[in-house]
PDB file of all heavy atoms in Angstrom:
ATOM      1  N   THR A   1       5.867  15.909  23.674  1.00  0.00           N
ATOM      2  CA  THR A   1       5.946  14.701  24.468  1.00  0.00           C
ATOM      3  C   THR A   1       7.038  13.764  23.985  1.00  0.00           C
ATOM      4  O   THR A   1       7.620  12.988  24.704  1.00  0.00           O
ATOM      5  CB  THR A   1       4.617  13.938  24.491  1.00  0.00           C
ATOM      6  OG1 THR A   1       4.186  13.730  23.124  1.00  0.00           O
ATOM      7  CG2 THR A   1       3.580  14.782  25.193  1.00  0.00           C
ATOM      8  N   ASN A   2       7.264  13.773  22.611  1.00  0.00           N
ATOM      9  CA  ASN A   2       8.238  12.794  22.013  1.00  0.00           C
ATOM     10  C   ASN A   2       7.940  11.405  22.399  1.00  0.00           C
ATOM     11  O   ASN A   2       8.870  10.582  22.664  1.00  0.00           O
ATOM     12  CB  ASN A   2       9.638  13.179  22.324  1.00  0.00           C
ATOM     13  CG  ASN A   2      10.119  14.448  21.548  1.00  0.00           C
ATOM     14  OD1 ASN A   2       9.510  14.867  20.584  1.00  0.00           O
ATOM     15  ND2 ASN A   2      11.176  15.030  22.079  1.00  0.00           N
ATOM     16  N   HIS A   3       6.643  11.040  22.458  1.00  0.00           N
ATOM     17  CA  HIS A   3       6.333   9.700  23.033  1.00  0.00           C
ATOM     18  C   HIS A   3       6.526   8.557  22.048  1.00  0.00           C
ATOM     19  O   HIS A   3       6.574   7.404  22.485  1.00  0.00           O
ATOM     20  CB  HIS A   3       4.868   9.679  23.546  1.00  0.00           C
ATOM     21  CG  HIS A   3       3.874  10.067  22.532  1.00  0.00           C
ATOM     22  ND1 HIS A   3       3.535  11.404  22.203  1.00  0.00           N
ATOM     23  CD2 HIS A   3       3.052   9.315  21.641  1.00  0.00           C
ATOM     24  CE1 HIS A   3       2.607  11.440  21.291  1.00  0.00           C
ATOM     25  NE2 HIS A   3       2.377  10.184  20.932  1.00  0.00           N
ATOM     26  N   CYS A   4       6.688   8.895  20.767  1.00  0.00           N
ATOM     27  CA  CYS A   4       6.982   7.845  19.740  1.00  0.00           C
ATOM     28  C   CYS A   4       7.890   8.460  18.678  1.00  0.00           C
ATOM     29  O   CYS A   4       7.679   9.617  18.298  1.00  0.00           O
ATOM     30  CB  CYS A   4       5.667   7.243  19.140  1.00  0.00           C
ATOM     31  SG  CYS A   4       4.843   6.092  20.126  1.00  0.00           S
ATOM     32  N   SER A   5       8.723   7.608  18.099  1.00  0.00           N
ATOM     33  CA  SER A   5       9.585   8.134  17.012  1.00  0.00           C
ATOM     34  C   SER A   5       8.843   8.263  15.709  1.00  0.00           C
ATOM     35  O   SER A   5       9.250   9.062  14.819  1.00  0.00           O
ATOM     36  CB  SER A   5      10.755   7.204  16.842  1.00  0.00           C
ATOM     37  OG  SER A   5      10.429   5.844  16.685  1.00  0.00           O
ATOM     38  N   SER A   6       7.771   7.503  15.476  1.00  0.00           N
ATOM     39  CA  SER A   6       6.836   7.642  14.385  1.00  0.00           C
ATOM     40  C   SER A   6       7.501   7.728  13.056  1.00  0.00           C
ATOM     41  O   SER A   6       7.394   8.769  12.313  1.00  0.00           O
ATOM     42  CB  SER A   6       6.032   8.982  14.594  1.00  0.00           C
ATOM     43  OG  SER A   6       5.026   9.133  13.652  1.00  0.00           O
ATOM     44  N   PRO A   7       8.161   6.689  12.555  1.00  0.00           N
ATOM     45  CA  PRO A   7       8.744   6.691  11.221  1.00  0.00           C
ATOM     46  C   PRO A   7       7.681   6.516  10.192  1.00  0.00           C
ATOM     47  O   PRO A   7       6.627   6.069  10.461  1.00  0.00           O
ATOM     48  CB  PRO A   7       9.726   5.519  11.239  1.00  0.00           C
ATOM     49  CG  PRO A   7       9.046   4.553  12.195  1.00  0.00           C
ATOM     50  CD  PRO A   7       8.426   5.447  13.280  1.00  0.00           C
ATOM     51  N   TYR A   8       8.034   6.877   8.953  1.00  0.00           N
ATOM     52  CA  TYR A   8       7.197   6.649   7.750  1.00  0.00           C
ATOM     53  C   TYR A   8       7.854   5.515   6.921  1.00  0.00           C
ATOM     54  O   TYR A   8       8.768   5.792   6.099  1.00  0.00           O
ATOM     55  CB  TYR A   8       7.100   7.860   6.890  1.00  0.00           C
ATOM     56  CG  TYR A   8       5.992   8.799   7.172  1.00  0.00           C
ATOM     57  CD1 TYR A   8       5.786   9.949   6.441  1.00  0.00           C
ATOM     58  CD2 TYR A   8       5.018   8.544   8.184  1.00  0.00           C
ATOM     59  CE1 TYR A   8       4.781  10.851   6.664  1.00  0.00           C
ATOM     60  CE2 TYR A   8       3.997   9.441   8.395  1.00  0.00           C
ATOM     61  CZ  TYR A   8       3.873  10.580   7.691  1.00  0.00           C
ATOM     62  OH  TYR A   8       2.850  11.511   7.853  1.00  0.00           O
ATOM     63  N   PRO A   9       7.540   4.241   7.127  1.00  0.00           N
ATOM     64  CA  PRO A   9       8.073   3.215   6.280  1.00  0.00           C
ATOM     65  C   PRO A   9       7.649   3.408   4.812  1.00  0.00           C
ATOM     66  O   PRO A   9       6.479   3.750   4.549  1.00  0.00           O
ATOM     67  CB  PRO A   9       7.428   1.950   6.827  1.00  0.00           C
ATOM     68  CG  PRO A   9       6.989   2.294   8.172  1.00  0.00           C
ATOM     69  CD  PRO A   9       6.589   3.724   8.143  1.00  0.00           C
ATOM     70  N   LEU A  10       8.593   3.352   3.913  1.00  0.00           N
ATOM     71  CA  LEU A  10       8.266   3.376   2.493  1.00  0.00           C
ATOM     72  C   LEU A  10       8.235   1.956   1.984  1.00  0.00           C
ATOM     73  O   LEU A  10       9.230   1.259   1.834  1.00  0.00           O
ATOM     74  CB  LEU A  10       9.365   4.217   1.713  1.00  0.00           C
ATOM     75  CG  LEU A  10       9.200   4.284   0.203  1.00  0.00           C
ATOM     76  CD1 LEU A  10       7.917   5.125  -0.129  1.00  0.00           C
ATOM     77  CD2 LEU A  10      10.366   5.045  -0.397  1.00  0.00           C
ATOM     78  N   VAL A  11       6.964   1.506   1.695  1.00  0.00           N
ATOM     79  CA  VAL A  11       6.812   0.133   1.374  1.00  0.00           C
ATOM     80  C   VAL A  11       6.342  -0.041  -0.048  1.00  0.00           C
ATOM     81  O   VAL A  11       5.673   0.837  -0.625  1.00  0.00           O
ATOM     82  CB  VAL A  11       5.756  -0.576   2.332  1.00  0.00           C
ATOM     83  CG1 VAL A  11       6.229  -0.521   3.748  1.00  0.00           C
ATOM     84  CG2 VAL A  11       4.402   0.069   2.192  1.00  0.00           C
ATOM     85  N   CYS A  12       6.705  -1.211  -0.550  1.00  0.00           N
ATOM     86  CA  CYS A  12       6.265  -1.624  -1.896  1.00  0.00           C
ATOM     87  C   CYS A  12       5.828  -3.066  -1.831  1.00  0.00           C
ATOM     88  O   CYS A  12       5.988  -3.733  -0.805  1.00  0.00           O
ATOM     89  CB  CYS A  12       7.372  -1.445  -2.970  1.00  0.00           C
ATOM     90  SG  CYS A  12       8.788  -2.523  -2.753  1.00  0.00           S
ATOM     91  N   SER A  13       5.338  -3.578  -2.898  1.00  0.00           N
ATOM     92  CA  SER A  13       5.017  -4.994  -2.999  1.00  0.00           C
ATOM     93  C   SER A  13       6.267  -5.824  -3.222  1.00  0.00           C
ATOM     94  O   SER A  13       7.064  -5.474  -4.077  1.00  0.00           O
ATOM     95  CB  SER A  13       4.057  -5.226  -4.180  1.00  0.00           C
ATOM     96  OG  SER A  13       4.036  -6.547  -4.569  1.00  0.00           O
ATOM     97  N   GLN A  14       6.454  -6.868  -2.420  1.00  0.00           N
ATOM     98  CA  GLN A  14       7.559  -7.721  -2.603  1.00  0.00           C
ATOM     99  C   GLN A  14       7.555  -8.296  -3.997  1.00  0.00           C
ATOM    100  O   GLN A  14       8.608  -8.489  -4.708  1.00  0.00           O
ATOM    101  CB  GLN A  14       7.608  -8.850  -1.608  1.00  0.00           C
ATOM    102  CG  GLN A  14       8.816  -9.780  -1.744  1.00  0.00           C
ATOM    103  CD  GLN A  14      10.117  -9.167  -1.318  1.00  0.00           C
ATOM    104  OE1 GLN A  14      10.262  -8.713  -0.191  1.00  0.00           O
ATOM    105  NE2 GLN A  14      11.044  -9.030  -2.252  1.00  0.00           N
ATOM    106  N   GLU A  15       6.439  -8.634  -4.514  1.00  0.00           N
ATOM    107  CA  GLU A  15       6.304  -9.222  -5.888  1.00  0.00           C
ATOM    108  C   GLU A  15       6.772  -8.193  -6.891  1.00  0.00           C
ATOM    109  O   GLU A  15       7.422  -8.543  -7.889  1.00  0.00           O
ATOM    110  CB  GLU A  15       4.876  -9.642  -6.162  1.00  0.00           C
ATOM    111  CG  GLU A  15       4.670 -10.314  -7.499  1.00  0.00           C
ATOM    112  CD  GLU A  15       3.318 -10.884  -7.654  1.00  0.00           C
ATOM    113  OE1 GLU A  15       2.574 -11.002  -6.683  1.00  0.00           O
ATOM    114  OE2 GLU A  15       2.928 -11.197  -8.841  1.00  0.00           O
ATOM    115  N   TRP A  16       6.353  -6.936  -6.758  1.00  0.00           N
ATOM    116  CA  TRP A  16       6.773  -5.920  -7.714  1.00  0.00           C
ATOM    117  C   TRP A  16       8.262  -5.772  -7.706  1.00  0.00           C
ATOM    118  O   TRP A  16       8.893  -5.675  -8.772  1.00  0.00           O
ATOM    119  CB  TRP A  16       6.148  -4.528  -7.437  1.00  0.00           C
ATOM    120  CG  TRP A  16       6.618  -3.469  -8.306  1.00  0.00           C
ATOM    121  CD1 TRP A  16       6.254  -3.146  -9.574  1.00  0.00           C
ATOM    122  CD2 TRP A  16       7.642  -2.534  -7.965  1.00  0.00           C
ATOM    123  NE1 TRP A  16       6.961  -2.085 -10.065  1.00  0.00           N
ATOM    124  CE2 TRP A  16       7.837  -1.671  -9.115  1.00  0.00           C
ATOM    125  CE3 TRP A  16       8.428  -2.329  -6.774  1.00  0.00           C
ATOM    126  CZ2 TRP A  16       8.776  -0.630  -9.124  1.00  0.00           C
ATOM    127  CZ3 TRP A  16       9.379  -1.264  -6.820  1.00  0.00           C
ATOM    128  CH2 TRP A  16       9.557  -0.480  -7.920  1.00  0.00           C
ATOM    129  N   LEU A  17       8.866  -5.665  -6.534  1.00  0.00           N
ATOM    130  CA  LEU A  17      10.320  -5.545  -6.333  1.00  0.00           C
ATOM    131  C   LEU A  17      11.050  -6.692  -7.034  1.00  0.00           C
ATOM    132  O   LEU A  17      12.042  -6.508  -7.780  1.00  0.00           O
ATOM    133  CB  LEU A  17      10.656  -5.435  -4.922  1.00  0.00           C
ATOM    134  CG  LEU A  17      12.093  -4.979  -4.579  1.00  0.00           C
ATOM    135  CD1 LEU A  17      12.276  -3.498  -5.040  1.00  0.00           C
ATOM    136  CD2 LEU A  17      12.315  -5.079  -3.080  1.00  0.00           C
ATOM    137  N   ASP A  18      10.556  -7.933  -6.839  1.00  0.00           N
ATOM    138  CA  ASP A  18      11.160  -9.072  -7.398  1.00  0.00           C
ATOM    139  C   ASP A  18      10.989  -9.109  -8.999  1.00  0.00           C
ATOM    140  O   ASP A  18      11.801  -9.789  -9.674  1.00  0.00           O
ATOM    141  CB  ASP A  18      10.527 -10.367  -6.848  1.00  0.00           C
ATOM    142  CG  ASP A  18      10.932 -10.548  -5.411  1.00  0.00           C
ATOM    143  OD1 ASP A  18      11.824  -9.903  -4.933  1.00  0.00           O
ATOM    144  OD2 ASP A  18      10.210 -11.369  -4.691  1.00  0.00           O
ATOM    145  N   SER A  19      10.014  -8.400  -9.507  1.00  0.00           N
ATOM    146  CA  SER A  19       9.816  -8.395 -10.916  1.00  0.00           C
ATOM    147  C   SER A  19      10.803  -7.579 -11.706  1.00  0.00           C
ATOM    148  O   SER A  19      10.958  -7.708 -12.903  1.00  0.00           O
ATOM    149  CB  SER A  19       8.384  -7.877 -11.234  1.00  0.00           C
ATOM    150  OG  SER A  19       8.273  -6.525 -11.117  1.00  0.00           O
ATOM    151  N   LEU A  20      11.523  -6.673 -10.956  1.00  0.00           N
ATOM    152  CA  LEU A  20      12.460  -5.796 -11.701  1.00  0.00           C
ATOM    153  C   LEU A  20      13.706  -6.533 -12.072  1.00  0.00           C
ATOM    154  O   LEU A  20      14.105  -7.528 -11.448  1.00  0.00           O
ATOM    155  CB  LEU A  20      12.802  -4.662 -10.687  1.00  0.00           C
ATOM    156  CG  LEU A  20      11.685  -3.738 -10.275  1.00  0.00           C
ATOM    157  CD1 LEU A  20      12.211  -2.794  -9.166  1.00  0.00           C
ATOM    158  CD2 LEU A  20      11.091  -2.967 -11.448  1.00  0.00           C
ATOM    159  N   SER A  21      14.354  -6.016 -13.089  1.00  0.00           N
ATOM    160  CA  SER A  21      15.662  -6.555 -13.442  1.00  0.00           C
ATOM    161  C   SER A  21      16.608  -6.111 -12.301  1.00  0.00           C
ATOM    162  O   SER A  21      16.430  -5.207 -11.547  1.00  0.00           O
ATOM    163  CB  SER A  21      16.166  -5.958 -14.696  1.00  0.00           C
ATOM    164  OG  SER A  21      16.397  -4.558 -14.599  1.00  0.00           O
ATOM    165  N   ASP A  22      17.746  -6.870 -12.260  1.00  0.00           N
ATOM    166  CA  ASP A  22      18.757  -6.559 -11.162  1.00  0.00           C
ATOM    167  C   ASP A  22      19.232  -5.097 -11.260  1.00  0.00           C
ATOM    168  O   ASP A  22      19.331  -4.392 -10.209  1.00  0.00           O
ATOM    169  CB  ASP A  22      19.913  -7.556 -11.277  1.00  0.00           C
ATOM    170  CG  ASP A  22      19.598  -8.960 -10.874  1.00  0.00           C
ATOM    171  OD1 ASP A  22      18.516  -9.124 -10.296  1.00  0.00           O
ATOM    172  OD2 ASP A  22      20.381  -9.873 -11.213  1.00  0.00           O
ATOM    173  N   ALA A  23      19.490  -4.666 -12.509  1.00  0.00           N
ATOM    174  CA  ALA A  23      20.059  -3.303 -12.683  1.00  0.00           C
ATOM    175  C   ALA A  23      18.990  -2.319 -12.261  1.00  0.00           C
ATOM    176  O   ALA A  23      19.340  -1.284 -11.578  1.00  0.00           O
ATOM    177  CB  ALA A  23      20.449  -3.123 -14.122  1.00  0.00           C
ATOM    178  N   ASP A  24      17.771  -2.460 -12.678  1.00  0.00           N
ATOM    179  CA  ASP A  24      16.693  -1.482 -12.292  1.00  0.00           C
ATOM    180  C   ASP A  24      16.427  -1.477 -10.885  1.00  0.00           C
ATOM    181  O   ASP A  24      16.201  -0.406 -10.249  1.00  0.00           O
ATOM    182  CB  ASP A  24      15.421  -1.783 -13.121  1.00  0.00           C
ATOM    183  CG  ASP A  24      15.467  -1.383 -14.475  1.00  0.00           C
ATOM    184  OD1 ASP A  24      16.337  -0.627 -14.950  1.00  0.00           O
ATOM    185  OD2 ASP A  24      14.598  -1.800 -15.338  1.00  0.00           O
ATOM    186  N   ARG A  25      16.411  -2.717 -10.300  1.00  0.00           N
ATOM    187  CA  ARG A  25      16.173  -2.743  -8.782  1.00  0.00           C
ATOM    188  C   ARG A  25      17.271  -2.039  -8.058  1.00  0.00           C
ATOM    189  O   ARG A  25      16.997  -1.231  -7.079  1.00  0.00           O
ATOM    190  CB  ARG A  25      16.137  -4.205  -8.314  1.00  0.00           C
ATOM    191  CG  ARG A  25      15.689  -4.369  -6.899  1.00  0.00           C
ATOM    192  CD  ARG A  25      15.786  -5.838  -6.441  1.00  0.00           C
ATOM    193  NE  ARG A  25      15.047  -6.709  -7.374  1.00  0.00           N
ATOM    194  CZ  ARG A  25      15.617  -7.603  -8.165  1.00  0.00           C
ATOM    195  NH1 ARG A  25      16.954  -7.718  -8.160  1.00  0.00           N
ATOM    196  NH2 ARG A  25      14.862  -8.340  -8.911  1.00  0.00           N
ATOM    197  N   GLU A  26      18.501  -2.212  -8.473  1.00  0.00           N
ATOM    198  CA  GLU A  26      19.607  -1.567  -7.811  1.00  0.00           C
ATOM    199  C   GLU A  26      19.552  -0.050  -7.856  1.00  0.00           C
ATOM    200  O   GLU A  26      19.731   0.655  -6.950  1.00  0.00           O
ATOM    201  CB  GLU A  26      20.955  -2.066  -8.327  1.00  0.00           C
ATOM    202  CG  GLU A  26      22.190  -1.495  -7.649  1.00  0.00           C
ATOM    203  CD  GLU A  26      23.527  -2.011  -8.210  1.00  0.00           C
ATOM    204  OE1 GLU A  26      23.427  -2.918  -9.036  1.00  0.00           O
ATOM    205  OE2 GLU A  26      24.557  -1.495  -7.822  1.00  0.00           O
ATOM    206  N   LEU A  27      19.218   0.448  -9.131  1.00  0.00           N
ATOM    207  CA  LEU A  27      19.160   1.874  -9.371  1.00  0.00           C
ATOM    208  C   LEU A  27      18.011   2.489  -8.543  1.00  0.00           C
ATOM    209  O   LEU A  27      18.181   3.530  -7.980  1.00  0.00           O
ATOM    210  CB  LEU A  27      18.890   2.114 -10.839  1.00  0.00           C
ATOM    211  CG  LEU A  27      18.684   3.561 -11.275  1.00  0.00           C
ATOM    212  CD1 LEU A  27      19.972   4.376 -10.976  1.00  0.00           C
ATOM    213  CD2 LEU A  27      18.266   3.663 -12.722  1.00  0.00           C
ATOM    214  N   ILE A  28      16.839   1.818  -8.609  1.00  0.00           N
ATOM    215  CA  ILE A  28      15.663   2.437  -7.866  1.00  0.00           C
ATOM    216  C   ILE A  28      15.880   2.400  -6.327  1.00  0.00           C
ATOM    217  O   ILE A  28      15.628   3.409  -5.694  1.00  0.00           O
ATOM    218  CB  ILE A  28      14.383   1.594  -8.157  1.00  0.00           C
ATOM    219  CG1 ILE A  28      13.998   1.856  -9.694  1.00  0.00           C
ATOM    220  CG2 ILE A  28      13.289   1.942  -7.281  1.00  0.00           C
ATOM    221  CD1 ILE A  28      12.985   0.873 -10.177  1.00  0.00           C
ATOM    222  N   ILE A  29      16.477   1.371  -5.806  1.00  0.00           N
ATOM    223  CA  ILE A  29      16.671   1.241  -4.365  1.00  0.00           C
ATOM    224  C   ILE A  29      17.741   2.279  -3.935  1.00  0.00           C
ATOM    225  O   ILE A  29      17.572   2.973  -2.924  1.00  0.00           O
ATOM    226  CB  ILE A  29      17.092  -0.149  -3.944  1.00  0.00           C
ATOM    227  CG1 ILE A  29      15.841  -1.090  -4.039  1.00  0.00           C
ATOM    228  CG2 ILE A  29      17.695  -0.133  -2.484  1.00  0.00           C
ATOM    229  CD1 ILE A  29      16.204  -2.523  -3.724  1.00  0.00           C
ATOM    230  N   ASP A  30      18.800   2.437  -4.775  1.00  0.00           N
ATOM    231  CA  ASP A  30      19.810   3.411  -4.473  1.00  0.00           C
ATOM    232  C   ASP A  30      19.202   4.824  -4.443  1.00  0.00           C
ATOM    233  O   ASP A  30      19.520   5.703  -3.559  1.00  0.00           O
ATOM    234  CB  ASP A  30      20.990   3.346  -5.425  1.00  0.00           C
ATOM    235  CG  ASP A  30      22.049   4.417  -5.165  1.00  0.00           C
ATOM    236  OD1 ASP A  30      22.709   4.316  -4.099  1.00  0.00           O
ATOM    237  OD2 ASP A  30      22.203   5.307  -6.022  1.00  0.00           O
ATOM    238  N   GLY A  31      18.365   5.102  -5.416  1.00  0.00           N
ATOM    239  CA  GLY A  31      17.731   6.412  -5.507  1.00  0.00           C
ATOM    240  C   GLY A  31      16.824   6.642  -4.266  1.00  0.00           C
ATOM    241  O   GLY A  31      16.775   7.764  -3.752  1.00  0.00           O
ATOM    242  N   ILE A  32      16.151   5.669  -3.852  1.00  0.00           N
ATOM    243  CA  ILE A  32      15.249   5.821  -2.711  1.00  0.00           C
ATOM    244  C   ILE A  32      16.002   6.040  -1.513  1.00  0.00           C
ATOM    245  O   ILE A  32      15.682   6.803  -0.547  1.00  0.00           O
ATOM    246  CB  ILE A  32      14.306   4.528  -2.544  1.00  0.00           C
ATOM    247  CG1 ILE A  32      13.297   4.587  -3.715  1.00  0.00           C
ATOM    248  CG2 ILE A  32      13.640   4.507  -1.190  1.00  0.00           C
ATOM    249  CD1 ILE A  32      12.451   3.334  -3.753  1.00  0.00           C
ATOM    250  N   HIS A  33      17.180   5.351  -1.274  1.00  0.00           N
ATOM    251  CA  HIS A  33      18.069   5.596  -0.100  1.00  0.00           C
ATOM    252  C   HIS A  33      18.555   7.065  -0.096  1.00  0.00           C
ATOM    253  O   HIS A  33      18.533   7.708   0.986  1.00  0.00           O
ATOM    254  CB  HIS A  33      19.187   4.669  -0.125  1.00  0.00           C
ATOM    255  CG  HIS A  33      18.844   3.231   0.254  1.00  0.00           C
ATOM    256  ND1 HIS A  33      17.881   2.892   1.133  1.00  0.00           N
ATOM    257  CD2 HIS A  33      19.442   2.035  -0.165  1.00  0.00           C
ATOM    258  CE1 HIS A  33      17.769   1.597   1.184  1.00  0.00           C
ATOM    259  NE2 HIS A  33      18.748   1.075   0.463  1.00  0.00           N
ATOM    260  N   GLN A  34      18.907   7.528  -1.186  1.00  0.00           N
ATOM    261  CA  GLN A  34      19.334   8.933  -1.338  1.00  0.00           C
ATOM    262  C   GLN A  34      18.172   9.924  -0.975  1.00  0.00           C
ATOM    263  O   GLN A  34      18.314  10.888  -0.272  1.00  0.00           O
ATOM    264  CB  GLN A  34      19.831   9.314  -2.673  1.00  0.00           C
ATOM    265  CG  GLN A  34      21.171   8.595  -3.068  1.00  0.00           C
ATOM    266  CD  GLN A  34      21.731   9.055  -4.390  1.00  0.00           C
ATOM    267  OE1 GLN A  34      21.887  10.242  -4.596  1.00  0.00           O
ATOM    268  NE2 GLN A  34      21.945   8.135  -5.280  1.00  0.00           N
ATOM    269  N   MET A  35      16.980   9.619  -1.559  1.00  0.00           N
ATOM    270  CA  MET A  35      15.814  10.398  -1.306  1.00  0.00           C
ATOM    271  C   MET A  35      15.478  10.455   0.244  1.00  0.00           C
ATOM    272  O   MET A  35      15.248  11.553   0.732  1.00  0.00           O
ATOM    273  CB  MET A  35      14.664   9.814  -2.046  1.00  0.00           C
ATOM    274  CG  MET A  35      13.242  10.145  -1.540  1.00  0.00           C
ATOM    275  SD  MET A  35      11.969   9.038  -2.222  1.00  0.00           S
ATOM    276  CE  MET A  35      10.590   9.485  -1.182  1.00  0.00           C
TER     277      MET A  35
END
């Protein structure tokens, strides 16, 4: 039927994301985009 596109959002806590150093955040997010 293809009635919905049905994505899987990959979510985290905004607080956890903000707790990371800039370098770690950038590395992790880049890795997730590649994944």
